[in-house]
Amino acid sequence: MNAHLAVATLLISSSLLAQSPAEWRDNLVDHLAGSWNLAGKVMGTNAHHSVRGECSRNRKALRVNLVSRI
Protein backbone atom coordinates (compact mmCIF):
# COMPACT_ATOMS: atom_id res chain seq x y z
CA MET A 1 0.00 0.00 0.00
CA ASN A 2 2.85 2.39 0.81
CA ALA A 3 4.35 1.81 -2.63
CA HIS A 4 1.07 2.83 -4.32
CA LEU A 5 0.92 5.98 -2.20
CA ALA A 6 4.52 6.85 -3.07
CA VAL A 7 3.89 6.39 -6.80
CA ALA A 8 0.70 8.47 -6.67
CA THR A 9 2.49 11.25 -4.79
CA LEU A 10 5.34 11.23 -7.30
CA LEU A 11 2.96 11.43 -10.27
CA ILE A 12 0.96 14.30 -8.77
CA SER A 13 4.11 16.22 -7.83
CA SER A 14 5.68 15.86 -11.26
CA SER A 15 2.50 16.98 -13.05
CA LEU A 16 2.26 20.10 -10.85
CA LEU A 17 5.88 21.02 -11.58
CA ALA A 18 5.39 20.57 -15.33
CA GLN A 19 2.62 23.19 -15.53
CA SER A 20 3.71 26.62 -16.75
CA PRO A 21 2.89 29.61 -14.52
CA ALA A 22 -0.10 31.74 -15.43
CA GLU A 23 0.64 34.85 -17.50
CA TRP A 24 0.79 38.00 -15.38
CA ARG A 25 -1.45 40.82 -16.65
CA ASP A 26 -2.03 44.35 -15.42
CA ASN A 27 -5.13 46.12 -16.75
CA LEU A 28 -3.59 49.58 -16.19
CA VAL A 29 -0.50 48.72 -18.25
CA ASP A 30 -2.72 47.28 -21.00
CA HIS A 31 -4.91 50.40 -20.94
CA LEU A 32 -1.99 52.85 -21.20
CA ALA A 33 -0.19 50.98 -24.00
CA GLY A 34 -0.65 52.69 -27.37
CA SER A 35 -0.22 56.11 -28.96
CA TRP A 36 -1.99 59.35 -28.21
CA ASN A 37 -1.59 63.11 -28.61
CA LEU A 38 -1.92 65.62 -25.80
CA ALA A 39 -2.64 69.32 -26.22
CA GLY A 40 -2.96 72.04 -23.63
CA LYS A 41 -1.17 74.94 -22.02
CA VAL A 42 2.08 74.85 -20.07
CA MET A 43 2.79 78.06 -18.16
CA GLY A 44 0.38 79.92 -20.44
CA THR A 45 1.96 78.63 -23.69
CA ASN A 46 0.24 76.19 -26.04
CA ALA A 47 1.88 72.77 -25.84
CA HIS A 48 1.50 69.62 -27.91
CA HIS A 49 2.89 66.23 -26.95
CA SER A 50 3.08 62.90 -28.75
CA VAL A 51 3.07 59.97 -26.33
CA ARG A 52 3.71 56.31 -27.04
CA GLY A 53 3.41 53.63 -24.35
CA GLU A 54 4.52 50.07 -24.96
CA CYS A 55 4.62 47.04 -22.71
CA SER A 56 7.99 45.62 -21.75
CA ARG A 57 9.42 42.93 -19.46
CA ASN A 58 6.69 40.38 -20.25
CA ARG A 59 3.93 43.00 -19.87
CA LYS A 60 5.02 43.81 -16.30
CA ALA A 61 6.17 47.36 -17.06
CA LEU A 62 5.27 50.23 -19.37
CA ARG A 63 7.88 52.13 -21.39
CA VAL A 64 6.69 55.67 -22.16
CA ASN A 65 8.18 57.85 -24.90
CA LEU A 66 7.10 61.51 -24.74
CA VAL A 67 7.95 64.04 -27.47
CA SER A 68 7.09 67.68 -26.66
CA ARG A 69 6.24 70.15 -29.41
CA ILE A 70 5.75 73.49 -27.71
PDB file of N, CA and C in Angstrom:
ATOM      1  N   MET A   1       0.812  -1.188   0.000  1.00  0.00           N
ATOM      2  CA  MET A   1       0.000   0.000   0.000  1.00  0.00           C
ATOM      3  C   MET A   1       0.861   1.260   0.000  1.00  0.00           C
ATOM      4  N   ASN A   2       1.965   1.234   0.756  1.00  0.00           N
ATOM      5  CA  ASN A   2       2.848   2.391   0.807  1.00  0.00           C
ATOM      6  C   ASN A   2       3.489   2.671  -0.545  1.00  0.00           C
ATOM      7  N   ALA A   3       3.749   1.621  -1.301  1.00  0.00           N
ATOM      8  CA  ALA A   3       4.348   1.807  -2.627  1.00  0.00           C
ATOM      9  C   ALA A   3       3.365   2.513  -3.560  1.00  0.00           C
ATOM     10  N   HIS A   4       2.089   2.181  -3.492  1.00  0.00           N
ATOM     11  CA  HIS A   4       1.073   2.833  -4.319  1.00  0.00           C
ATOM     12  C   HIS A   4       0.949   4.318  -3.961  1.00  0.00           C
ATOM     13  N   LEU A   5       1.003   4.601  -2.674  1.00  0.00           N
ATOM     14  CA  LEU A   5       0.917   5.980  -2.199  1.00  0.00           C
ATOM     15  C   LEU A   5       2.131   6.787  -2.673  1.00  0.00           C
ATOM     16  N   ALA A   6       3.299   6.177  -2.620  1.00  0.00           N
ATOM     17  CA  ALA A   6       4.521   6.851  -3.066  1.00  0.00           C
ATOM     18  C   ALA A   6       4.470   7.143  -4.558  1.00  0.00           C
ATOM     19  N   VAL A   7       3.996   6.193  -5.348  1.00  0.00           N
ATOM     20  CA  VAL A   7       3.892   6.391  -6.802  1.00  0.00           C
ATOM     21  C   VAL A   7       2.870   7.474  -7.116  1.00  0.00           C
ATOM     22  N   ALA A   8       1.726   7.455  -6.440  1.00  0.00           N
ATOM     23  CA  ALA A   8       0.695   8.475  -6.669  1.00  0.00           C
ATOM     24  C   ALA A   8       1.215   9.864  -6.309  1.00  0.00           C
ATOM     25  N   THR A   9       1.924   9.964  -5.209  1.00  0.00           N
ATOM     26  CA  THR A   9       2.495  11.247  -4.789  1.00  0.00           C
ATOM     27  C   THR A   9       3.511  11.743  -5.802  1.00  0.00           C
ATOM     28  N   LEU A  10       4.337  10.861  -6.307  1.00  0.00           N
ATOM     29  CA  LEU A  10       5.340  11.226  -7.301  1.00  0.00           C
ATOM     30  C   LEU A  10       4.680  11.715  -8.587  1.00  0.00           C
ATOM     31  N   LEU A  11       3.648  11.029  -9.034  1.00  0.00           N
ATOM     32  CA  LEU A  11       2.964  11.428 -10.269  1.00  0.00           C
ATOM     33  C   LEU A  11       2.283  12.795 -10.126  1.00  0.00           C
ATOM     34  N   ILE A  12       1.637  13.018  -9.003  1.00  0.00           N
ATOM     35  CA  ILE A  12       0.963  14.303  -8.773  1.00  0.00           C
ATOM     36  C   ILE A  12       1.991  15.420  -8.683  1.00  0.00           C
ATOM     37  N   SER A  13       3.072  15.195  -7.970  1.00  0.00           N
ATOM     38  CA  SER A  13       4.114  16.221  -7.825  1.00  0.00           C
ATOM     39  C   SER A  13       4.734  16.579  -9.161  1.00  0.00           C
ATOM     40  N   SER A  14       5.031  15.582  -9.981  1.00  0.00           N
ATOM     41  CA  SER A  14       5.682  15.862 -11.263  1.00  0.00           C
ATOM     42  C   SER A  14       4.736  16.579 -12.212  1.00  0.00           C
ATOM     43  N   SER A  15       3.433  16.287 -12.169  1.00  0.00           N
ATOM     44  CA  SER A  15       2.497  16.981 -13.045  1.00  0.00           C
ATOM     45  C   SER A  15       2.316  18.433 -12.619  1.00  0.00           C
ATOM     46  N   LEU A  16       2.373  18.718 -11.321  1.00  0.00           N
ATOM     47  CA  LEU A  16       2.265  20.103 -10.849  1.00  0.00           C
ATOM     48  C   LEU A  16       3.491  20.912 -11.247  1.00  0.00           C
ATOM     49  N   LEU A  17       4.656  20.315 -11.206  1.00  0.00           N
ATOM     50  CA  LEU A  17       5.883  21.015 -11.579  1.00  0.00           C
ATOM     51  C   LEU A  17       5.950  21.270 -13.082  1.00  0.00           C
ATOM     52  N   ALA A  18       5.325  20.442 -13.874  1.00  0.00           N
ATOM     53  CA  ALA A  18       5.391  20.568 -15.330  1.00  0.00           C
ATOM     54  C   ALA A  18       4.489  21.678 -15.856  1.00  0.00           C
ATOM     55  N   GLN A  19       3.528  22.150 -15.068  1.00  0.00           N
ATOM     56  CA  GLN A  19       2.622  23.193 -15.532  1.00  0.00           C
ATOM     57  C   GLN A  19       3.348  24.530 -15.580  1.00  0.00           C
ATOM     58  N   SER A  20       3.088  25.306 -16.642  1.00  0.00           N
ATOM     59  CA  SER A  20       3.710  26.624 -16.750  1.00  0.00           C
ATOM     60  C   SER A  20       2.918  27.617 -15.903  1.00  0.00           C
ATOM     61  N   PRO A  21       3.596  28.631 -15.352  1.00  0.00           N
ATOM     62  CA  PRO A  21       2.894  29.611 -14.524  1.00  0.00           C
ATOM     63  C   PRO A  21       1.930  30.444 -15.370  1.00  0.00           C
ATOM     64  N   ALA A  22       0.884  30.912 -14.736  1.00  0.00           N
ATOM     65  CA  ALA A  22      -0.101  31.735 -15.430  1.00  0.00           C
ATOM     66  C   ALA A  22       0.532  33.059 -15.850  1.00  0.00           C
ATOM     67  N   GLU A  23       0.105  33.580 -16.994  1.00  0.00           N
ATOM     68  CA  GLU A  23       0.640  34.850 -17.497  1.00  0.00           C
ATOM     69  C   GLU A  23       0.173  35.988 -16.603  1.00  0.00           C
ATOM     70  N   TRP A  24       1.103  36.858 -16.230  1.00  0.00           N
ATOM     71  CA  TRP A  24       0.792  38.002 -15.379  1.00  0.00           C
ATOM     72  C   TRP A  24       0.248  39.118 -16.263  1.00  0.00           C
ATOM     73  N   ARG A  25      -0.855  39.725 -15.887  1.00  0.00           N
ATOM     74  CA  ARG A  25      -1.455  40.818 -16.650  1.00  0.00           C
ATOM     75  C   ARG A  25      -1.789  41.948 -15.689  1.00  0.00           C
ATOM     76  N   ASP A  26      -1.642  43.172 -16.183  1.00  0.00           N
ATOM     77  CA  ASP A  26      -2.027  44.348 -15.423  1.00  0.00           C
ATOM     78  C   ASP A  26      -2.930  45.187 -16.316  1.00  0.00           C
ATOM     79  N   ASN A  27      -4.176  45.380 -15.924  1.00  0.00           N
ATOM     80  CA  ASN A  27      -5.127  46.119 -16.747  1.00  0.00           C
ATOM     81  C   ASN A  27      -4.693  47.560 -16.981  1.00  0.00           C
ATOM     82  N   LEU A  28      -4.044  48.197 -16.007  1.00  0.00           N
ATOM     83  CA  LEU A  28      -3.589  49.578 -16.189  1.00  0.00           C
ATOM     84  C   LEU A  28      -2.513  49.653 -17.262  1.00  0.00           C
ATOM     85  N   VAL A  29      -1.556  48.748 -17.230  1.00  0.00           N
ATOM     86  CA  VAL A  29      -0.503  48.724 -18.251  1.00  0.00           C
ATOM     87  C   VAL A  29      -1.122  48.487 -19.627  1.00  0.00           C
ATOM     88  N   ASP A  30      -2.048  47.549 -19.716  1.00  0.00           N
ATOM     89  CA  ASP A  30      -2.717  47.276 -20.998  1.00  0.00           C
ATOM     90  C   ASP A  30      -3.483  48.506 -21.483  1.00  0.00           C
ATOM     91  N   HIS A  31      -4.116  49.225 -20.572  1.00  0.00           N
ATOM     92  CA  HIS A  31      -4.906  50.400 -20.936  1.00  0.00           C
ATOM     93  C   HIS A  31      -4.028  51.556 -21.432  1.00  0.00           C
ATOM     94  N   LEU A  32      -2.863  51.729 -20.837  1.00  0.00           N
ATOM     95  CA  LEU A  32      -1.988  52.847 -21.200  1.00  0.00           C
ATOM     96  C   LEU A  32      -1.110  52.559 -22.415  1.00  0.00           C
ATOM     97  N   ALA A  33      -1.001  51.317 -22.816  1.00  0.00           N
ATOM     98  CA  ALA A  33      -0.193  50.979 -23.996  1.00  0.00           C
ATOM     99  C   ALA A  33      -0.887  51.513 -25.245  1.00  0.00           C
ATOM    100  N   GLY A  34      -0.107  52.132 -26.124  1.00  0.00           N
ATOM    101  CA  GLY A  34      -0.652  52.686 -27.367  1.00  0.00           C
ATOM    102  C   GLY A  34      -0.085  54.063 -27.625  1.00  0.00           C
ATOM    103  N   SER A  35      -0.680  54.761 -28.590  1.00  0.00           N
ATOM    104  CA  SER A  35      -0.218  56.109 -28.965  1.00  0.00           C
ATOM    105  C   SER A  35      -1.350  57.100 -28.772  1.00  0.00           C
ATOM    106  N   TRP A  36      -0.996  58.289 -28.324  1.00  0.00           N
ATOM    107  CA  TRP A  36      -1.986  59.347 -28.206  1.00  0.00           C
ATOM    108  C   TRP A  36      -1.298  60.693 -28.271  1.00  0.00           C
ATOM    109  N   ASN A  37      -2.081  61.737 -28.550  1.00  0.00           N
ATOM    110  CA  ASN A  37      -1.589  63.112 -28.613  1.00  0.00           C
ATOM    111  C   ASN A  37      -2.231  63.903 -27.490  1.00  0.00           C
ATOM    112  N   LEU A  38      -1.433  64.760 -26.871  1.00  0.00           N
ATOM    113  CA  LEU A  38      -1.917  65.624 -25.799  1.00  0.00           C
ATOM    114  C   LEU A  38      -1.758  67.071 -26.239  1.00  0.00           C
ATOM    115  N   ALA A  39      -2.722  67.892 -25.906  1.00  0.00           N
ATOM    116  CA  ALA A  39      -2.640  69.319 -26.220  1.00  0.00           C
ATOM    117  C   ALA A  39      -3.169  70.094 -25.023  1.00  0.00           C
ATOM    118  N   GLY A  40      -2.535  71.212 -24.744  1.00  0.00           N
ATOM    119  CA  GLY A  40      -2.958  72.043 -23.626  1.00  0.00           C
ATOM    120  C   GLY A  40      -2.028  73.221 -23.474  1.00  0.00           C
ATOM    121  N   LYS A  41      -2.026  73.792 -22.302  1.00  0.00           N
ATOM    122  CA  LYS A  41      -1.165  74.937 -22.023  1.00  0.00           C
ATOM    123  C   LYS A  41      -0.194  74.573 -20.911  1.00  0.00           C
ATOM    124  N   VAL A  42       1.050  74.996 -21.083  1.00  0.00           N
ATOM    125  CA  VAL A  42       2.085  74.848 -20.071  1.00  0.00           C
ATOM    126  C   VAL A  42       2.604  76.245 -19.785  1.00  0.00           C
ATOM    127  N   MET A  43       2.382  76.713 -18.580  1.00  0.00           N
ATOM    128  CA  MET A  43       2.786  78.063 -18.162  1.00  0.00           C
ATOM    129  C   MET A  43       2.257  79.110 -19.142  1.00  0.00           C
ATOM    130  N   GLY A  44       1.017  78.951 -19.568  1.00  0.00           N
ATOM    131  CA  GLY A  44       0.385  79.916 -20.440  1.00  0.00           C
ATOM    132  C   GLY A  44       0.725  79.777 -21.911  1.00  0.00           C
ATOM    133  N   THR A  45       1.554  78.840 -22.293  1.00  0.00           N
ATOM    134  CA  THR A  45       1.958  78.634 -23.687  1.00  0.00           C
ATOM    135  C   THR A  45       1.317  77.346 -24.205  1.00  0.00           C
ATOM    136  N   ASN A  46       0.809  77.394 -25.435  1.00  0.00           N
ATOM    137  CA  ASN A  46       0.243  76.192 -26.035  1.00  0.00           C
ATOM    138  C   ASN A  46       1.319  75.111 -26.134  1.00  0.00           C
ATOM    139  N   ALA A  47       0.935  73.894 -25.794  1.00  0.00           N
ATOM    140  CA  ALA A  47       1.877  72.775 -25.843  1.00  0.00           C
ATOM    141  C   ALA A  47       1.197  71.577 -26.494  1.00  0.00           C
ATOM    142  N   HIS A  48       1.974  70.836 -27.263  1.00  0.00           N
ATOM    143  CA  HIS A  48       1.496  69.619 -27.914  1.00  0.00           C
ATOM    144  C   HIS A  48       2.512  68.523 -27.642  1.00  0.00           C
ATOM    145  N   HIS A  49       2.015  67.355 -27.283  1.00  0.00           N
ATOM    146  CA  HIS A  49       2.887  66.228 -26.952  1.00  0.00           C
ATOM    147  C   HIS A  49       2.415  64.985 -27.688  1.00  0.00           C
ATOM    148  N   SER A  50       3.360  64.223 -28.192  1.00  0.00           N
ATOM    149  CA  SER A  50       3.080  62.898 -28.750  1.00  0.00           C
ATOM    150  C   SER A  50       3.591  61.875 -27.742  1.00  0.00           C
ATOM    151  N   VAL A  51       2.725  60.951 -27.349  1.00  0.00           N
ATOM    152  CA  VAL A  51       3.072  59.966 -26.330  1.00  0.00           C
ATOM    153  C   VAL A  51       2.880  58.570 -26.913  1.00  0.00           C
ATOM    154  N   ARG A  52       3.834  57.716 -26.624  1.00  0.00           N
ATOM    155  CA  ARG A  52       3.713  56.310 -27.036  1.00  0.00           C
ATOM    156  C   ARG A  52       4.074  55.447 -25.838  1.00  0.00           C
ATOM    157  N   GLY A  53       3.171  54.563 -25.460  1.00  0.00           N
ATOM    158  CA  GLY A  53       3.414  53.632 -24.353  1.00  0.00           C
ATOM    159  C   GLY A  53       3.444  52.217 -24.902  1.00  0.00           C
ATOM    160  N   GLU A  54       4.457  51.464 -24.513  1.00  0.00           N
ATOM    161  CA  GLU A  54       4.521  50.070 -24.958  1.00  0.00           C
ATOM    162  C   GLU A  54       4.932  49.180 -23.799  1.00  0.00           C
ATOM    163  N   CYS A  55       4.345  48.003 -23.768  1.00  0.00           N
ATOM    164  CA  CYS A  55       4.616  47.037 -22.710  1.00  0.00           C
ATOM    165  C   CYS A  55       6.026  46.482 -22.867  1.00  0.00           C
ATOM    166  N   SER A  56       6.662  46.229 -21.739  1.00  0.00           N
ATOM    167  CA  SER A  56       7.988  45.621 -21.753  1.00  0.00           C
ATOM    168  C   SER A  56       8.088  44.662 -20.570  1.00  0.00           C
ATOM    169  N   ARG A  57       9.153  43.894 -20.542  1.00  0.00           N
ATOM    170  CA  ARG A  57       9.417  42.931 -19.461  1.00  0.00           C
ATOM    171  C   ARG A  57       8.226  42.007 -19.231  1.00  0.00           C
ATOM    172  N   ASN A  58       7.805  41.335 -20.319  1.00  0.00           N
ATOM    173  CA  ASN A  58       6.689  40.384 -20.246  1.00  0.00           C
ATOM    174  C   ASN A  58       5.410  41.038 -19.728  1.00  0.00           C
ATOM    175  N   ARG A  59       5.144  42.256 -20.199  1.00  0.00           N
ATOM    176  CA  ARG A  59       3.927  43.001 -19.866  1.00  0.00           C
ATOM    177  C   ARG A  59       3.859  43.370 -18.379  1.00  0.00           C
ATOM    178  N   LYS A  60       4.995  43.447 -17.712  1.00  0.00           N
ATOM    179  CA  LYS A  60       5.018  43.811 -16.304  1.00  0.00           C
ATOM    180  C   LYS A  60       5.377  45.271 -16.103  1.00  0.00           C
ATOM    181  N   ALA A  61       5.774  45.956 -17.165  1.00  0.00           N
ATOM    182  CA  ALA A  61       6.165  47.361 -17.064  1.00  0.00           C
ATOM    183  C   ALA A  61       5.707  48.088 -18.321  1.00  0.00           C
ATOM    184  N   LEU A  62       5.681  49.406 -18.242  1.00  0.00           N
ATOM    185  CA  LEU A  62       5.272  50.230 -19.367  1.00  0.00           C
ATOM    186  C   LEU A  62       6.404  51.206 -19.689  1.00  0.00           C
ATOM    187  N   ARG A  63       6.864  51.187 -20.918  1.00  0.00           N
ATOM    188  CA  ARG A  63       7.882  52.128 -21.388  1.00  0.00           C
ATOM    189  C   ARG A  63       7.139  53.266 -22.060  1.00  0.00           C
ATOM    190  N   VAL A  64       7.391  54.503 -21.627  1.00  0.00           N
ATOM    191  CA  VAL A  64       6.695  55.673 -22.159  1.00  0.00           C
ATOM    192  C   VAL A  64       7.694  56.567 -22.873  1.00  0.00           C
ATOM    193  N   ASN A  65       7.370  56.929 -24.109  1.00  0.00           N
ATOM    194  CA  ASN A  65       8.179  57.851 -24.896  1.00  0.00           C
ATOM    195  C   ASN A  65       7.338  59.111 -25.122  1.00  0.00           C
ATOM    196  N   LEU A  66       7.818  60.252 -24.650  1.00  0.00           N
ATOM    197  CA  LEU A  66       7.102  61.514 -24.741  1.00  0.00           C
ATOM    198  C   LEU A  66       7.919  62.490 -25.577  1.00  0.00           C
ATOM    199  N   VAL A  67       7.306  63.045 -26.633  1.00  0.00           N
ATOM    200  CA  VAL A  67       7.948  64.037 -27.467  1.00  0.00           C
ATOM    201  C   VAL A  67       7.139  65.315 -27.344  1.00  0.00           C
ATOM    202  N   SER A  68       7.779  66.387 -26.854  1.00  0.00           N
ATOM    203  CA  SER A  68       7.090  67.677 -26.665  1.00  0.00           C
ATOM    204  C   SER A  68       7.288  68.559 -27.879  1.00  0.00           C
ATOM    205  N   ARG A  69       6.192  69.183 -28.304  1.00  0.00           N
ATOM    206  CA  ARG A  69       6.236  70.149 -29.407  1.00  0.00           C
ATOM    207  C   ARG A  69       5.558  71.419 -28.927  1.00  0.00           C
ATOM    208  N   ILE A  70       6.305  72.248 -28.261  1.00  0.00           N
ATOM    209  CA  ILE A  70       5.749  73.487 -27.706  1.00  0.00           C
ATOM    210  C   ILE A  70       5.722  74.577 -28.763  1.00  0.00           C
TER     211      ILE A  70
END
